[in-house]
């Protein structure tokens, strides 16, 4: 199952399960869309891969 990390690994921005601003690479490194576009230039600093929008996960109660 996909790991939903709760914060941006660069700026620490909160990225809850339903965030539309969360971006991930193929290794599930997680960053906010602002950091991906403006700081990382769509290149993951951990693995060198690109980013895609992270799927939204709704919590079932």
N, C-alpha and C. Protein backbone atom coordinates (compact mmCIF):
# COMPACT_ATOMS: atom_id res chain seq x y z
N UNK A 1 0.83 -1.17 0.00
CA UNK A 1 0.00 0.00 0.00
C UNK A 1 0.89 1.24 0.00
N UNK A 2 0.44 2.27 -0.67
CA UNK A 2 1.15 3.53 -0.76
C UNK A 2 1.26 4.19 0.61
N UNK A 3 2.47 4.61 0.96
CA UNK A 3 2.67 5.32 2.23
C UNK A 3 2.27 6.78 2.03
N UNK A 4 1.36 7.25 2.87
CA UNK A 4 0.92 8.64 2.79
C UNK A 4 1.67 9.42 3.87
N UNK A 5 2.74 10.07 3.49
CA UNK A 5 3.53 10.85 4.44
C UNK A 5 2.84 12.19 4.68
N UNK A 6 2.84 12.66 5.94
CA UNK A 6 2.00 13.79 6.30
C UNK A 6 2.59 15.19 6.10
N UNK A 7 3.88 15.29 5.72
CA UNK A 7 4.47 16.62 5.56
C UNK A 7 5.42 16.66 4.36
N UNK A 8 5.65 17.87 3.86
CA UNK A 8 6.63 18.08 2.79
C UNK A 8 8.02 17.86 3.37
N UNK A 9 8.83 17.07 2.70
CA UNK A 9 10.17 16.76 3.16
C UNK A 9 11.13 17.94 3.01
N UNK A 10 10.71 19.00 2.32
CA UNK A 10 11.57 20.16 2.16
C UNK A 10 11.18 21.28 3.13
N UNK A 11 9.93 21.73 3.11
CA UNK A 11 9.53 22.89 3.90
C UNK A 11 8.72 22.55 5.14
N UNK A 12 8.29 21.29 5.28
CA UNK A 12 7.53 20.89 6.45
C UNK A 12 6.04 21.21 6.39
N UNK A 13 5.56 21.63 5.23
CA UNK A 13 4.13 21.94 5.08
C UNK A 13 3.29 20.71 5.36
N UNK A 14 2.17 20.92 6.05
CA UNK A 14 1.25 19.84 6.36
C UNK A 14 0.57 19.35 5.08
N UNK A 15 0.63 18.03 4.85
CA UNK A 15 0.01 17.42 3.66
C UNK A 15 -0.87 16.25 4.12
N UNK A 16 -2.08 16.56 4.60
CA UNK A 16 -2.96 15.49 5.09
C UNK A 16 -3.38 14.53 3.98
N UNK A 17 -4.04 13.46 4.35
CA UNK A 17 -4.45 12.41 3.41
C UNK A 17 -5.20 12.93 2.19
N UNK A 18 -5.98 14.00 2.38
CA UNK A 18 -6.81 14.51 1.28
C UNK A 18 -6.20 15.74 0.59
N UNK A 19 -4.92 16.01 0.82
CA UNK A 19 -4.27 17.18 0.23
C UNK A 19 -4.15 17.05 -1.28
N UNK A 20 -4.51 18.12 -1.98
CA UNK A 20 -4.36 18.17 -3.43
C UNK A 20 -3.03 18.79 -3.81
N UNK A 21 -2.21 19.15 -2.81
CA UNK A 21 -0.91 19.79 -3.05
C UNK A 21 0.25 18.82 -2.91
N UNK A 22 0.00 17.58 -2.54
CA UNK A 22 1.07 16.61 -2.30
C UNK A 22 1.55 15.99 -3.61
N UNK A 23 2.88 15.90 -3.74
CA UNK A 23 3.51 15.30 -4.90
C UNK A 23 4.43 14.19 -4.40
N UNK A 24 4.54 13.09 -5.18
CA UNK A 24 5.42 11.99 -4.79
C UNK A 24 6.24 11.53 -5.99
N UNK A 25 7.40 10.93 -5.68
CA UNK A 25 8.21 10.29 -6.72
C UNK A 25 7.92 8.79 -6.67
N UNK A 26 8.62 8.01 -7.45
CA UNK A 26 8.35 6.57 -7.48
C UNK A 26 8.77 5.86 -6.20
N UNK A 27 9.58 6.54 -5.36
CA UNK A 27 9.98 5.96 -4.07
C UNK A 27 9.13 6.51 -2.93
N UNK A 28 8.08 7.25 -3.26
CA UNK A 28 7.14 7.84 -2.32
C UNK A 28 7.72 8.98 -1.50
N UNK A 29 8.84 9.56 -1.96
CA UNK A 29 9.32 10.78 -1.35
C UNK A 29 8.20 11.81 -1.54
N UNK A 30 7.92 12.60 -0.52
CA UNK A 30 6.76 13.47 -0.54
C UNK A 30 7.15 14.93 -0.36
N UNK A 31 6.65 15.76 -1.28
CA UNK A 31 6.92 17.19 -1.25
C UNK A 31 5.65 17.93 -1.64
N UNK A 32 5.54 19.20 -1.24
CA UNK A 32 4.39 20.00 -1.66
C UNK A 32 4.62 20.47 -3.09
N UNK A 33 3.55 20.82 -3.75
CA UNK A 33 3.63 21.23 -5.15
C UNK A 33 4.48 22.48 -5.32
N UNK A 34 4.46 23.40 -4.35
CA UNK A 34 5.27 24.61 -4.44
C UNK A 34 6.76 24.29 -4.44
N UNK A 35 7.20 23.40 -3.55
CA UNK A 35 8.61 23.01 -3.51
C UNK A 35 9.01 22.26 -4.77
N UNK A 36 8.14 21.39 -5.27
CA UNK A 36 8.44 20.62 -6.49
C UNK A 36 8.66 21.57 -7.67
N UNK A 37 7.79 22.56 -7.81
CA UNK A 37 7.87 23.46 -8.96
C UNK A 37 8.97 24.52 -8.82
N UNK A 38 9.08 25.12 -7.63
CA UNK A 38 9.92 26.30 -7.46
C UNK A 38 11.31 26.04 -6.87
N UNK A 39 11.47 24.95 -6.14
CA UNK A 39 12.75 24.68 -5.50
C UNK A 39 13.45 23.47 -6.14
N UNK A 40 12.71 22.38 -6.29
CA UNK A 40 13.29 21.12 -6.79
C UNK A 40 13.28 21.01 -8.31
N UNK A 41 12.50 21.85 -8.96
CA UNK A 41 12.37 21.86 -10.42
C UNK A 41 12.02 20.48 -10.97
N UNK A 42 11.10 19.80 -10.25
CA UNK A 42 10.54 18.50 -10.62
C UNK A 42 11.58 17.37 -10.63
N UNK A 43 12.64 17.51 -9.84
CA UNK A 43 13.64 16.45 -9.70
C UNK A 43 13.78 16.11 -8.22
N UNK A 44 13.52 14.87 -7.87
CA UNK A 44 13.60 14.44 -6.49
C UNK A 44 15.06 14.48 -6.01
N UNK A 45 15.34 15.18 -4.90
CA UNK A 45 16.71 15.25 -4.41
C UNK A 45 17.21 13.93 -3.81
N UNK A 46 16.29 13.02 -3.51
CA UNK A 46 16.65 11.75 -2.91
C UNK A 46 17.00 10.69 -3.96
N UNK A 47 16.23 10.64 -5.05
CA UNK A 47 16.42 9.56 -6.02
C UNK A 47 16.64 10.04 -7.45
N UNK A 48 16.44 11.33 -7.71
CA UNK A 48 16.65 11.86 -9.05
C UNK A 48 15.47 11.70 -9.99
N UNK A 49 14.38 11.11 -9.51
CA UNK A 49 13.19 10.91 -10.34
C UNK A 49 12.30 12.14 -10.41
N UNK A 50 11.26 12.03 -11.21
CA UNK A 50 10.27 13.09 -11.34
C UNK A 50 9.12 12.88 -10.37
N UNK A 51 8.17 13.80 -10.38
CA UNK A 51 7.04 13.77 -9.45
C UNK A 51 5.71 13.65 -10.16
N UNK A 52 4.74 13.09 -9.44
CA UNK A 52 3.35 13.01 -9.86
C UNK A 52 2.49 13.40 -8.67
N UNK A 53 1.25 13.81 -8.93
CA UNK A 53 0.34 14.12 -7.82
C UNK A 53 0.08 12.86 -7.02
N UNK A 54 0.10 13.01 -5.70
CA UNK A 54 -0.18 11.88 -4.83
C UNK A 54 -1.69 11.64 -4.80
N UNK A 55 -2.14 10.39 -4.89
CA UNK A 55 -3.57 10.11 -4.81
C UNK A 55 -4.12 10.52 -3.45
N UNK A 56 -5.39 10.88 -3.43
CA UNK A 56 -6.07 11.23 -2.19
C UNK A 56 -6.59 9.96 -1.54
N UNK A 57 -6.39 9.87 -0.24
CA UNK A 57 -6.90 8.72 0.51
C UNK A 57 -7.92 9.22 1.51
N UNK A 58 -9.12 8.69 1.39
CA UNK A 58 -10.17 9.01 2.35
C UNK A 58 -10.15 8.00 3.46
N UNK A 59 -10.20 8.47 4.70
CA UNK A 59 -10.19 7.60 5.87
C UNK A 59 -11.59 7.03 6.07
N UNK A 60 -11.68 5.73 6.16
CA UNK A 60 -12.96 5.08 6.44
C UNK A 60 -13.12 4.89 7.93
N UNK A 61 -14.27 5.22 8.41
CA UNK A 61 -14.54 5.07 9.85
C UNK A 61 -15.52 3.95 10.08
